[in-house]
Each structure stands twice: as C-alpha cells, then as structure tokens.
Protein backbone atom coordinates (compact mmCIF):
# COMPACT_ATOMS: atom_id res chain seq x y z
CA MET A 1 14.75 -22.37 1.53
CA PRO A 2 16.00 -18.99 3.26
CA ASN A 3 14.79 -16.90 0.46
CA ARG A 4 11.01 -18.17 0.56
CA SER A 5 10.79 -16.96 4.40
CA SER A 6 9.01 -13.63 4.89
CA LEU A 7 11.18 -10.19 5.69
CA CYS A 8 10.26 -10.11 9.17
CA LEU A 9 11.36 -13.78 9.71
CA MET A 10 14.61 -12.97 7.63
CA ALA A 11 15.56 -9.80 10.31
CA THR A 12 14.92 -11.83 13.26
CA MET A 13 17.11 -15.26 12.13
CA VAL A 14 19.87 -12.81 11.01
CA ARG A 15 19.82 -11.35 14.39
CA GLU A 16 19.19 -14.65 16.69
CA ARG A 17 22.11 -15.54 13.82
CA GLN A 18 20.00 -18.56 13.04
CA ILE A 19 21.37 -17.19 9.00
CA SER A 20 24.33 -15.45 7.91
CA PRO A 21 23.66 -12.45 6.05
CA VAL A 22 26.26 -14.22 3.49
CA ASP A 23 23.98 -17.42 2.70
CA LEU A 24 20.99 -15.05 2.77
CA VAL A 25 22.00 -12.89 -0.31
CA ASP A 26 23.55 -15.98 -1.96
CA ALA A 27 20.16 -17.92 -1.66
CA HIS A 28 18.96 -14.93 -3.34
CA LEU A 29 21.11 -14.54 -5.84
CA ARG A 30 21.32 -17.98 -6.55
CA HIS A 31 17.85 -17.71 -7.06
CA ILE A 32 17.62 -14.85 -9.48
CA GLU A 33 20.45 -16.61 -11.68
CA LYS A 34 17.62 -19.65 -12.04
CA HIS A 35 14.30 -17.55 -12.15
CA ASN A 36 14.77 -13.98 -13.62
CA PRO A 37 15.50 -15.22 -17.20
CA LYS A 38 11.85 -16.09 -17.42
CA ILE A 39 10.25 -13.57 -15.15
CA ASN A 40 12.94 -10.68 -16.55
CA ALA A 41 12.28 -8.75 -13.50
CA PHE A 42 15.33 -6.94 -13.03
CA VAL A 43 16.93 -3.91 -14.77
CA ARG A 44 20.23 -4.72 -12.90
CA VAL A 45 21.58 -7.33 -10.54
CA LEU A 46 24.29 -5.72 -7.86
CA ALA A 47 25.57 -8.88 -7.06
CA ASP A 48 29.26 -8.30 -6.19
CA GLU A 49 28.15 -4.97 -3.73
CA ALA A 50 25.29 -7.38 -1.92
CA ARG A 51 28.20 -9.80 -1.15
CA LYS A 52 30.22 -7.36 -0.18
CA ALA A 53 27.68 -5.77 1.98
CA ALA A 54 26.45 -9.33 3.58
CA THR A 55 30.02 -9.66 4.55
CA GLN A 56 30.15 -6.23 5.92
CA ALA A 57 26.69 -7.53 7.83
CA GLU A 58 27.90 -10.39 9.24
CA THR A 59 31.05 -9.02 10.40
CA THR A 60 28.63 -6.33 12.68
CA VAL A 61 26.92 -9.71 14.06
CA THR A 62 29.51 -11.47 14.86
CA ARG A 63 31.08 -8.33 16.78
CA GLY A 64 28.05 -7.99 18.94
CA GLU A 65 27.14 -4.55 17.28
CA ALA A 66 23.89 -3.03 17.62
CA LEU A 67 21.50 -3.74 14.53
CA GLY A 68 19.26 -1.82 12.18
CA LEU A 69 15.50 -3.56 11.88
CA LEU A 70 16.74 -4.70 8.14
CA HIS A 71 20.19 -5.68 9.50
CA GLY A 72 20.96 -8.93 6.23
CA VAL A 73 17.64 -8.56 4.44
CA PRO A 74 18.04 -8.56 0.75
CA VAL A 75 15.28 -6.27 -0.53
CA THR A 76 15.11 -4.80 -4.04
CA ILE A 77 14.79 -1.29 -5.55
CA LYS A 78 12.05 -0.17 -8.78
CA ASP A 79 14.53 1.91 -11.62
CA SER A 80 13.10 4.91 -10.77
CA PHE A 81 14.33 5.72 -7.63
CA ASP A 82 18.20 6.74 -7.52
CA ILE A 83 21.10 4.45 -6.16
CA GLU A 84 24.60 6.66 -6.15
CA GLY A 85 26.57 6.20 -9.69
CA LEU A 86 23.94 4.49 -11.10
CA PRO A 87 21.65 5.33 -13.75
CA THR A 88 17.72 5.88 -12.84
CA LEU A 89 16.51 4.46 -16.62
CA CYS A 90 13.51 4.28 -15.97
CA GLY A 91 12.37 2.05 -18.97
CA SER A 92 13.74 4.83 -21.53
CA LYS A 93 16.59 5.27 -23.76
CA PHE A 94 16.34 8.79 -22.95
CA ARG A 95 17.89 8.15 -19.69
CA LEU A 96 21.09 6.41 -20.62
CA GLU A 97 23.62 9.11 -19.40
CA HIS A 98 22.11 9.56 -16.37
CA ARG A 99 23.62 8.75 -13.26
CA ALA A 100 22.76 9.49 -9.56
CA LYS A 101 24.98 11.37 -7.24
CA GLU A 102 23.10 10.06 -4.18
CA ASP A 103 20.79 7.59 -2.84
CA ALA A 104 17.42 8.37 -2.66
CA THR A 105 15.67 9.43 0.54
CA ALA A 106 14.09 6.25 0.65
CA VAL A 107 17.04 3.81 -0.58
CA ALA A 108 19.37 5.62 2.29
CA ARG A 109 16.95 4.73 4.50
CA LEU A 110 16.30 1.05 3.68
CA ARG A 111 20.70 1.15 3.96
CA ALA A 112 20.87 2.53 7.61
CA ALA A 113 18.39 -0.25 8.65
CA GLY A 114 20.82 -2.83 7.49
CA ALA A 115 19.43 -3.95 4.51
CA ILE A 116 21.33 -5.05 1.20
CA ILE A 117 20.36 -4.01 -2.35
CA LEU A 118 20.05 -7.22 -4.87
CA GLY A 119 19.57 -4.52 -7.89
CA LYS A 120 16.73 -2.66 -9.19
CA THR A 121 14.03 -3.38 -10.77
CA ASN A 122 11.74 -3.12 -14.13
CA CYS A 123 9.26 -0.68 -14.90
CA PRO A 124 7.36 0.58 -18.23
CA GLU A 125 9.06 3.36 -19.78
CA PHE A 126 8.54 6.72 -17.60
CA LEU A 127 6.62 4.31 -15.12
CA TYR A 128 3.29 5.40 -17.96
CA ASN A 129 1.83 2.59 -18.12
CA TYR A 130 -0.06 -0.75 -16.49
CA GLU A 131 2.64 -3.39 -17.97
CA THR A 132 6.40 -3.61 -17.60
CA ASP A 133 8.26 -3.96 -20.88
CA ASN A 134 10.72 -1.24 -22.73
CA TYR A 135 13.58 -1.39 -25.03
CA ILE A 136 16.55 -1.86 -22.27
CA THR A 137 15.45 -4.08 -20.46
CA GLY A 138 12.10 -5.72 -22.32
CA ARG A 139 9.10 -7.38 -21.10
CA THR A 140 8.41 -8.90 -17.30
CA ASN A 141 5.81 -11.55 -16.97
CA ASN A 142 4.06 -12.30 -14.10
CA PRO A 143 5.27 -15.19 -12.33
CA TRP A 144 2.05 -17.06 -11.82
CA ASP A 145 1.61 -17.11 -15.52
CA LEU A 146 4.37 -15.89 -17.80
CA THR A 147 2.03 -15.09 -21.25
CA ARG A 148 0.17 -12.30 -18.45
CA THR A 149 1.73 -8.90 -16.94
CA ALA A 150 2.89 -8.49 -14.02
CA GLY A 151 1.65 -5.00 -13.90
CA GLY A 152 3.18 -1.27 -13.96
CA SER A 153 4.66 0.47 -13.12
CA SER A 154 5.96 -1.43 -10.62
CA GLY A 155 5.80 -4.81 -12.15
CA GLY A 156 9.65 -5.40 -12.19
CA GLU A 157 9.53 -5.45 -8.45
CA SER A 158 6.08 -7.31 -7.98
CA ALA A 159 7.45 -10.13 -9.84
CA ALA A 160 10.63 -10.08 -8.13
CA ILE A 161 9.00 -10.52 -4.37
CA ALA A 162 6.53 -12.90 -6.04
CA SER A 163 9.13 -14.96 -6.97
CA TYR A 164 11.33 -15.01 -4.19
CA CYS A 165 13.81 -13.28 -6.29
CA SER A 166 13.49 -10.20 -3.07
CA ALA A 167 12.65 -10.16 0.02
CA GLY A 168 10.63 -6.93 -0.44
CA GLY A 169 11.51 -3.10 -1.86
CA ILE A 170 10.41 -0.10 -2.40
CA GLY A 171 7.93 0.87 -5.30
CA SER A 172 6.06 3.87 -6.62
CA ASP A 173 2.31 4.62 -7.07
CA GLY A 174 0.47 7.40 -9.28
CA GLY A 175 -2.15 5.41 -10.66
CA GLY A 176 -2.72 2.23 -9.05
CA SER A 177 1.46 1.46 -9.67
CA ILE A 178 2.23 -0.56 -6.43
CA ARG A 179 -1.09 -2.21 -5.84
CA ILE A 180 -2.19 -2.67 -8.90
CA PRO A 181 1.07 -5.08 -9.47
CA ALA A 182 0.85 -6.55 -6.01
CA HIS A 183 -2.90 -7.47 -7.24
CA PHE A 184 -1.71 -9.13 -10.21
CA CYS A 185 1.27 -10.61 -8.34
CA GLY A 186 -0.04 -11.75 -5.27
CA ILE A 187 2.00 -10.03 -2.87
CA ALA A 188 0.94 -6.75 -0.34
CA GLY A 189 1.88 -3.18 -1.05
CA LEU A 190 0.77 0.05 0.57
CA LYS A 191 0.60 3.36 -1.11
CA PRO A 192 0.74 6.28 1.67
CA THR A 193 -0.54 9.71 1.92
CA PRO A 194 1.84 12.31 0.29
CA GLY A 195 4.51 12.79 2.10
CA ARG A 196 4.68 10.25 4.47
CA VAL A 197 7.21 8.24 2.41
CA SER A 198 9.66 10.38 1.01
CA ALA A 199 10.11 10.66 -2.68
CA ALA A 200 12.76 12.79 -3.36
CA GLY A 201 15.57 10.85 -5.83
CA HIS A 202 12.46 9.62 -7.40
CA PHE A 203 12.42 9.49 -11.08
CA PRO A 204 9.68 11.39 -12.76
CA VAL A 205 10.16 14.04 -10.04
CA ILE A 206 6.75 13.45 -7.90
CA SER A 207 8.18 15.75 -4.61
CA HIS A 208 6.26 18.75 -6.45
CA PRO A 209 2.68 19.43 -7.45
CA GLY A 210 2.87 16.27 -9.25
CA GLY A 211 3.17 14.54 -5.61
CA LEU A 212 -0.75 14.92 -5.43
CA LEU A 213 -0.81 11.81 -7.69
CA GLY A 214 2.34 10.25 -6.70
CA VAL A 215 3.70 8.47 -3.84
CA GLY A 216 6.47 6.09 -2.68
CA GLY A 217 5.59 2.95 -0.75
CA PRO A 218 6.55 -0.49 0.22
CA MET A 219 6.07 -3.78 -0.97
CA ALA A 220 6.53 -7.41 -0.03
CA ARG A 221 4.66 -10.49 0.11
CA GLY A 222 2.98 -9.89 3.59
CA ALA A 223 1.39 -7.03 5.24
CA ASN A 224 3.61 -7.69 8.19
CA ASP A 225 6.79 -7.30 5.93
CA VAL A 226 5.16 -4.04 4.07
CA ARG A 227 4.64 -2.66 7.55
CA LEU A 228 8.50 -3.39 8.65
CA LEU A 229 9.86 -1.53 5.48
CA PHE A 230 7.26 1.24 6.38
CA ALA A 231 8.57 2.03 9.96
CA VAL A 232 11.56 2.37 8.09
CA LEU A 233 11.13 4.71 5.35
CA ALA A 234 8.37 6.82 6.97
CA GLY A 235 9.77 10.02 8.16
CA TYR A 236 10.37 13.54 7.64
CA ASP A 237 12.69 14.94 5.01
CA THR A 238 13.19 18.45 4.53
CA GLN A 239 14.04 17.66 0.48
CA ASP A 240 10.46 16.33 -0.22
CA PRO A 241 8.18 19.51 -0.09
CA PHE A 242 5.51 16.93 0.70
CA SER A 243 6.88 15.71 3.59
CA ALA A 244 5.72 16.46 7.44
CA PRO A 245 6.73 15.14 10.34
CA VAL A 246 4.65 12.75 11.69
CA PRO A 247 5.68 10.02 13.91
CA ILE A 248 5.04 6.30 13.75
CA GLN A 249 1.34 5.77 15.92
CA VAL A 250 0.05 2.72 17.83
CA PRO A 251 -3.49 2.34 16.10
CA LYS A 252 -6.75 0.95 17.57
CA ALA A 253 -8.30 -0.69 15.60
CA ASP A 254 -10.89 -3.14 17.44
CA GLY A 255 -14.13 -2.74 16.62
CA ILE A 256 -14.14 -0.48 14.40
CA ARG A 257 -16.46 0.09 11.57
CA ILE A 258 -15.45 -0.48 8.03
CA GLY A 259 -16.85 0.03 4.50
CA VAL A 260 -17.27 -2.53 1.81
CA MET A 261 -17.09 -1.06 -1.72
CA GLU A 262 -17.47 -3.99 -4.35
CA GLN A 263 -17.05 -1.72 -7.38
CA PHE A 264 -16.48 2.11 -8.18
CA TYR A 265 -20.21 3.07 -8.70
CA LYS A 266 -21.44 1.01 -11.48
CA VAL A 267 -18.54 0.31 -13.13
CA PRO A 268 -18.97 -3.49 -13.06
CA VAL A 269 -16.13 -5.93 -11.59
CA ARG A 270 -15.11 -9.65 -12.34
CA PRO A 271 -17.57 -11.40 -10.73
CA GLU A 272 -15.13 -13.40 -8.95
CA ILE A 273 -13.33 -10.07 -7.65
CA ARG A 274 -16.58 -9.14 -6.31
CA ASP A 275 -17.18 -12.71 -4.13
CA MET A 276 -13.74 -12.19 -2.95
CA VAL A 277 -14.62 -8.95 -1.85
CA GLN A 278 -17.68 -10.27 -0.15
CA MET A 279 -15.52 -12.90 1.13
CA ALA A 280 -13.29 -11.05 2.93
CA ALA A 281 -15.95 -8.57 4.08
CA ARG A 282 -17.43 -11.59 5.80
CA THR A 283 -14.05 -12.35 7.87
CA LEU A 284 -13.59 -8.84 9.07
CA GLU A 285 -16.97 -9.24 10.28
CA GLN A 286 -16.08 -12.85 11.87
CA ILE A 287 -12.84 -11.84 13.33
CA GLY A 288 -14.66 -8.39 15.48
CA PHE A 289 -14.82 -5.33 13.16
CA LYS A 290 -18.30 -4.10 12.37
CA VAL A 291 -18.72 -4.43 8.08
CA GLU A 292 -21.46 -2.22 6.13
CA PRO A 293 -21.90 -1.43 2.77
CA PHE A 294 -20.37 1.91 1.67
CA THR A 295 -20.88 4.30 -1.72
CA PRO A 296 -19.01 7.32 -1.81
CA LYS A 297 -21.09 10.57 -2.36
CA GLY A 298 -19.51 12.88 -4.97
CA LEU A 299 -16.96 11.19 -6.42
CA GLU A 300 -18.33 9.81 -9.89
CA ARG A 301 -15.78 12.11 -11.85
CA ALA A 302 -12.88 11.18 -9.49
CA PRO A 303 -11.34 8.77 -12.18
CA ASN A 304 -11.88 11.94 -14.43
CA LEU A 305 -9.98 14.54 -12.48
CA TRP A 306 -6.96 11.86 -12.09
CA TRP A 307 -6.83 11.18 -15.72
CA PHE A 308 -6.55 15.28 -16.13
CA PHE A 309 -3.79 15.53 -13.58
CA PHE A 310 -2.65 12.10 -14.73
CA GLY A 311 -2.58 11.70 -18.55
CA GLN A 312 -3.74 15.39 -20.10
CA LEU A 313 -0.91 17.46 -17.89
CA PRO A 314 1.92 15.85 -18.53
CA ALA A 315 1.31 14.93 -22.10
CA PRO A 316 2.66 18.07 -23.78
CA HIS A 317 5.63 17.88 -21.79
CA ILE A 318 6.52 13.97 -22.59
CA LYS A 319 5.79 14.56 -26.62
CA LYS A 320 8.45 17.67 -26.21
CA ILE A 321 11.23 14.95 -24.87
CA ILE A 322 10.21 12.17 -27.95
CA GLU A 323 9.31 14.57 -30.85
CA ASN A 324 12.95 14.21 -32.39
CA ARG A 325 13.71 10.93 -31.36
CA GLY A 326 10.15 8.95 -31.67
CA GLN A 327 11.87 5.48 -32.73
CA ASP A 328 13.41 5.73 -29.33
CA ALA A 329 10.43 5.84 -27.50
CA HIS A 330 8.87 2.53 -26.43
CA TRP A 331 4.69 1.92 -26.46
CA THR A 332 4.76 1.85 -23.10
CA GLY A 333 5.10 5.26 -22.94
CA THR A 334 3.53 6.76 -25.81
CA GLU A 335 0.12 4.82 -25.48
CA PHE A 336 -1.81 6.96 -22.48
CA VAL A 337 0.80 10.23 -24.45
CA THR A 338 -1.23 9.55 -27.80
CA GLN A 339 -4.44 9.42 -25.83
CA ALA A 340 -4.56 12.30 -23.92
CA LEU A 341 -3.27 14.58 -27.03
CA GLN A 342 -6.15 13.81 -28.96
CA GLU A 343 -7.86 15.38 -26.12
CA ALA A 344 -8.37 19.69 -25.50
CA ALA A 345 -5.09 21.39 -24.47
CA PRO A 346 -5.85 22.12 -20.68
CA THR A 347 -5.90 25.66 -19.77
CA ALA A 348 -4.83 27.15 -16.91
CA THR A 349 -8.46 27.88 -16.04
CA ASN A 350 -9.07 23.97 -16.39
CA VAL A 351 -6.17 23.42 -13.84
CA LEU A 352 -7.68 25.80 -11.13
CA ASP A 353 -11.26 24.38 -11.79
CA ASN A 354 -10.26 20.74 -11.31
CA LEU A 355 -8.08 21.12 -8.71
CA ALA A 356 -11.02 23.14 -6.72
CA ASP A 357 -13.41 19.90 -7.75
CA ARG A 358 -10.11 18.01 -6.13
CA ASP A 359 -10.63 19.51 -2.92
CA ALA A 360 -14.09 19.42 -2.78
CA MET A 361 -14.29 15.42 -2.99
CA ARG A 362 -11.31 14.79 -1.06
CA ALA A 363 -13.71 16.97 2.14
CA ALA A 364 -16.57 15.12 0.70
CA LEU A 365 -14.53 11.72 1.23
CA LEU A 366 -13.22 13.13 4.88
CA ARG A 367 -16.81 13.66 5.50
CA GLN A 368 -17.85 10.25 5.40
CA MET A 369 -15.44 8.53 7.15
CA GLU A 370 -15.24 10.22 10.07
CA SER A 371 -17.61 7.56 11.39
CA VAL A 372 -16.02 4.33 8.76
CA PRO A 373 -12.45 5.38 9.33
CA ILE A 374 -11.55 2.17 6.95
CA ILE A 375 -13.20 1.21 3.42
CA ILE A 376 -13.07 -2.57 1.68
CA GLY A 377 -12.55 -3.24 -1.84
CA PRO A 378 -11.88 -3.83 -5.19
CA PRO A 379 -8.15 -2.86 -6.51
CA CYS A 380 -8.91 -3.53 -9.86
CA GLY A 381 -11.97 -4.76 -11.57
CA VAL A 382 -10.09 -7.14 -13.29
CA PRO A 383 -7.07 -10.07 -12.29
CA ALA A 384 -4.30 -10.15 -13.85
CA PHE A 385 -4.67 -9.73 -17.70
CA HIS A 386 -2.47 -11.16 -20.62
CA HIS A 387 0.69 -8.94 -22.66
CA ARG A 388 -1.55 -6.22 -24.36
CA GLU A 389 -5.19 -7.26 -23.82
CA ARG A 390 -7.10 -4.03 -22.98
CA ARG A 391 -11.20 -5.22 -22.95
CA TRP A 392 -12.55 -7.44 -20.98
CA PRO A 393 -16.35 -8.73 -20.39
CA GLY A 394 -18.25 -7.56 -17.41
CA ASN A 395 -21.85 -7.86 -16.40
CA GLY A 396 -23.23 -7.43 -19.50
CA LYS A 397 -21.09 -4.62 -20.26
CA SER A 398 -16.91 -4.89 -21.37
CA ILE A 399 -14.41 -2.72 -19.83
CA GLY A 400 -11.42 -1.03 -20.62
CA LEU A 401 -8.27 -0.87 -18.97
CA PHE A 402 -9.82 3.11 -17.95
CA GLU A 403 -12.98 1.27 -15.99
CA ALA A 404 -10.50 -1.47 -15.06
CA MET A 405 -8.43 0.62 -13.05
CA MET A 406 -11.35 2.96 -11.23
CA PRO A 407 -11.44 1.00 -8.02
CA ALA A 408 -7.48 2.29 -7.08
CA THR A 409 -7.17 5.93 -9.06
CA PRO A 410 -9.33 8.22 -7.42
CA PHE A 411 -7.20 7.77 -4.10
CA ASN A 412 -4.41 9.28 -5.78
CA LEU A 413 -6.33 12.09 -6.79
CA LEU A 414 -7.44 12.49 -3.54
CA GLY A 415 -4.14 11.63 -1.67
CA PHE A 416 -5.81 8.69 0.42
CA PRO A 417 -3.53 5.94 1.47
CA ALA A 418 -4.11 2.38 0.70
CA ALA A 419 -2.84 -1.10 0.96
CA VAL A 420 -3.34 -4.24 -1.14
CA ILE A 421 -3.06 -7.40 0.26
CA PRO A 422 -3.50 -11.39 -1.69
CA PHE A 423 -6.67 -12.83 -0.62
CA GLY A 424 -8.53 -14.58 -3.48
CA MET A 425 -7.53 -17.22 -6.25
CA THR A 426 -9.32 -16.90 -9.79
CA SER A 427 -10.37 -20.29 -11.36
CA GLU A 428 -7.33 -19.47 -13.60
CA ASN A 429 -5.02 -19.81 -10.46
CA ILE A 430 -4.45 -16.24 -10.94
CA PRO A 431 -4.34 -14.11 -7.42
CA LEU A 432 -6.37 -11.95 -6.57
CA GLY A 433 -5.73 -8.72 -3.81
CA VAL A 434 -8.35 -6.86 -1.66
CA GLN A 435 -7.55 -3.01 -1.45
CA ILE A 436 -7.99 -1.44 2.04
CA ILE A 437 -7.96 2.40 2.08
CA GLY A 438 -7.86 4.50 4.93
CA ARG A 439 -7.97 8.65 5.80
CA PRO A 440 -4.77 10.61 5.16
CA TRP A 441 -2.10 9.85 7.34
CA GLU A 442 -3.36 6.87 9.27
CA GLU A 443 -1.21 4.12 7.46
CA GLU A 444 -0.89 2.17 10.89
CA LEU A 445 -4.52 1.50 11.15
CA VAL A 446 -4.41 0.48 7.73
CA LEU A 447 -1.71 -1.72 7.90
CA GLU A 448 -3.23 -3.08 11.18
CA VAL A 449 -6.15 -4.01 9.50
CA ALA A 450 -4.30 -5.35 6.50
CA VAL A 451 -2.22 -7.56 9.35
CA LYS A 452 -5.66 -8.79 10.81
CA LEU A 453 -7.24 -9.87 7.68
CA GLU A 454 -4.10 -11.94 6.11
CA GLU A 455 -3.93 -13.82 9.39
CA ALA A 456 -7.57 -14.88 9.67
CA ARG A 457 -7.37 -15.60 5.83
CA GLY A 458 -4.03 -17.60 6.63
CA ARG A 459 -1.38 -19.31 4.29
CA PHE A 460 -1.69 -17.63 0.74
CA PRO A 461 -0.84 -19.72 -1.90
CA GLU A 462 2.35 -19.57 -3.19
CA PRO A 463 3.05 -19.30 -7.69
CA PRO A 464 4.02 -22.76 -8.52
CA GLY A 465 7.99 -23.42 -10.40
CA TYR A 466 9.82 -21.34 -8.11
CA SER A 467 10.32 -23.22 -4.64
CA GLU A 468 14.25 -24.02 -5.32
C-alpha cells in the first residue's frame, strides 16, 4: 500500500512519476475512513480539499514544472495551528466560534513545498494534558493498543502517523507534547529550539514569553522524514518574535562524544526503558561514536521550574476562561489547572527569581555540553499507559505523572532541541523511544545522530492491524 511508504519515498515516487498524487491521497483517505473510527485521531478530514489539491499537484507534475520538496505528499496538522477559514478548536468548546483568518506560518510553508493537507488532528483541551481527549472529538486511542493513550498534546497527530493515516505533519511541544506521543506511538518527532520553526498562528499563543517552553515541530514515522519536514519548516519569520535567521547547517557528527543519561537523577524509570537506552548507547558506540555516562549538574530543580511556567503561571488565566462555563470545561483542560491552583499564587518576585534560576541552569548545561554535544536518554519514565492511569511502579518506588515526564520537561524549560525515535519494545508489544538532546540551534546534528541510530537499529515493528 502506498500510504505505508516513508514520507521521503512518497516525495521521490511523485517526483519520478512512479505514483500519482491523486492515487496517494485517495489511498490515505480510504485508510482514514477504515481505521480512524477506532483510533479517533482526526478532528476534521479535508477530503474534498485534499482531492482537489492532489489533482492540481498531478497537473503540475504532468507539465514538468518545478516541484517542491513535499510535492503531492499527504500530511496532517495538529488542531492548534491555524488553517485559513477553519476553526482552531484546540479541543475546547470555548473555541467553537473561532475561524482562522490565514494559515499559520508552518502550514503555509508545508503548502508552499507542495504538501497536501488531509485534515486536522485531535488534542486535549488547551493542549494541557498528556492524554488526548475532549468534548468535541472525544478520546484518541493508541494504534498499538486501543486501551492506552496516544499521549498528548500531539496525540491525534502521533496516532494518525503511526496508523498510516498520514505520512507526517506538525505538532507542538511545551512539556514533551511532541516527544511523549512519539515515544508512546512508535514514531519520530523533533522539538526544535524556540524560534527555529515559526509558532505564528498557533493557539495557545506561544510566540511570546510562553515561547520559552512551547515550540512547533515536525512528526513522522522516521528520522529521515522528520529531517525533510524540518528543512521545509525551519526559517526566519518576522511574525514570531523568537525567530532567528539561522540557516540550515551541514552537521559534522562523525566521532563526536555522546553522553548517556539513563534517567533524570534518581527518579526511577521502568527497567525496560533503561535497558533500551543502554542498547541505544551500545549501538552508537558500534557505529563509531564515543559514548560516556552523563549526569547533568545543577538541574535538580528544572522540572519544578518548568511546572511553575507551564502550570502555575497560566492556571489563573485558564480559570478565568472557564469559571462561568465550568460544565463546558473538559478534564484534560482542568486536571493541571486544579493542581496548580492548590499552590501559592505566583508573585512578580517568583517570576523574576525563577527566570534567573532558569538562565543559570541553561548556562550550566551549555558549559557541560561544550565537549558532549549530544545526550541520549529516555523521553519518559514509562511506556504508553492506559487511559487515566496516573501512578506506576518503579525500582521500589512508585512514580506519578510529574515524575514520569522529568526526562522531557527540563529541555522545554531550557530551550534545547530534542528528538525522539522509536528504538525498543516492551514485553507487551508497546513501543519505546529514545530521546536525543542537542545544543540550541543544532537541530541538524540531533537529526543526523537520529538518522544514523535508526539506520543501525534497522526496521522497526509496526502496529498490528493497519496493513491495508
């Protein structure tokens, strides 16, 4: 089936006239019609628009005109990015009247490269949860096991890609929201440095001080596909105040030192996740990298500072939005708010002190990574969990959601790029990802290591039941 090819191969096949964009889009739409009812990844399928765009793309090919990098390739968009004329619901009844005036910059860049948009994918309300569910679309299920979550907040995007309903697309990540769903669903994803991929046209707005944490980034089934999407999406944008004119680089990865961080300090991870990280480290060593243990210095409070900026600061604002319509607020949007409002209200002094501490931590990690430009570790302390599950056994100590996400959240706080690729499997046939962390503005090096590690890993299993 053509929809089970990689995104890169689809682009090549269209360019070499081995497949028609019309046939490629039709194959995806049939697959969505058959499989989406059980995974519920889509908020809206743009079937008519996609077929029309595919016909136009086919005409361009026939005429021998210049083709973009993604010409004729079907992609999806997380429903937090604007598409002109459509609502950006962000999983919330409070957004039902919204209509986007123009495409988000990331969407416009995908279109300019020739990509064909199949639809918008599901997310938790306000993107404020590690599970994808809401009152509009309902719950998204993990393609590997429907009783488990696909993650959040880019859970719909991840589930669509993992189940072959989409070749790839764009998500966003403020606390692991690209990397955790990628880890849970067995796909690849990149959280760039803030400003490397424009967040203009994203809701909630992240191209302001909130952009310290949140970024837009590419998601696909493999690292090569993510790299191609990144080449399309990256670039300077005056609409994003975090944006910087950083050109695409040619990385030099041969022989670099790579640090191995099996867990975040003493916070336990599942043994099979630690084993997977060790296996990835051995693989990197076998293909010529210098591998050594790595323990960050001075980052012990990083998850707490992340929670301050992600949870405590926005909680009063979200409370104001929902306080007169509490019946319309979904649990995915209120779970973290409820927790945050139980804590002392942030003060201006808190904000300034925590920003200063954040900058000190960032500088400390930059110094440590002068000689170790890449770190690998787990994206999360647990694999994809069952819906509404919140505690898991560790090494003699159980952990909750906050602790489970500690391998991911510090790199939102500090603004470091990080990718996740699938690398292992649990005994229950649930995928496990490995996280590859780099220095700011060095996404190309992160992706180069990800591609090499994937190539050494070999073919990864696929979720059962989606072969046709």
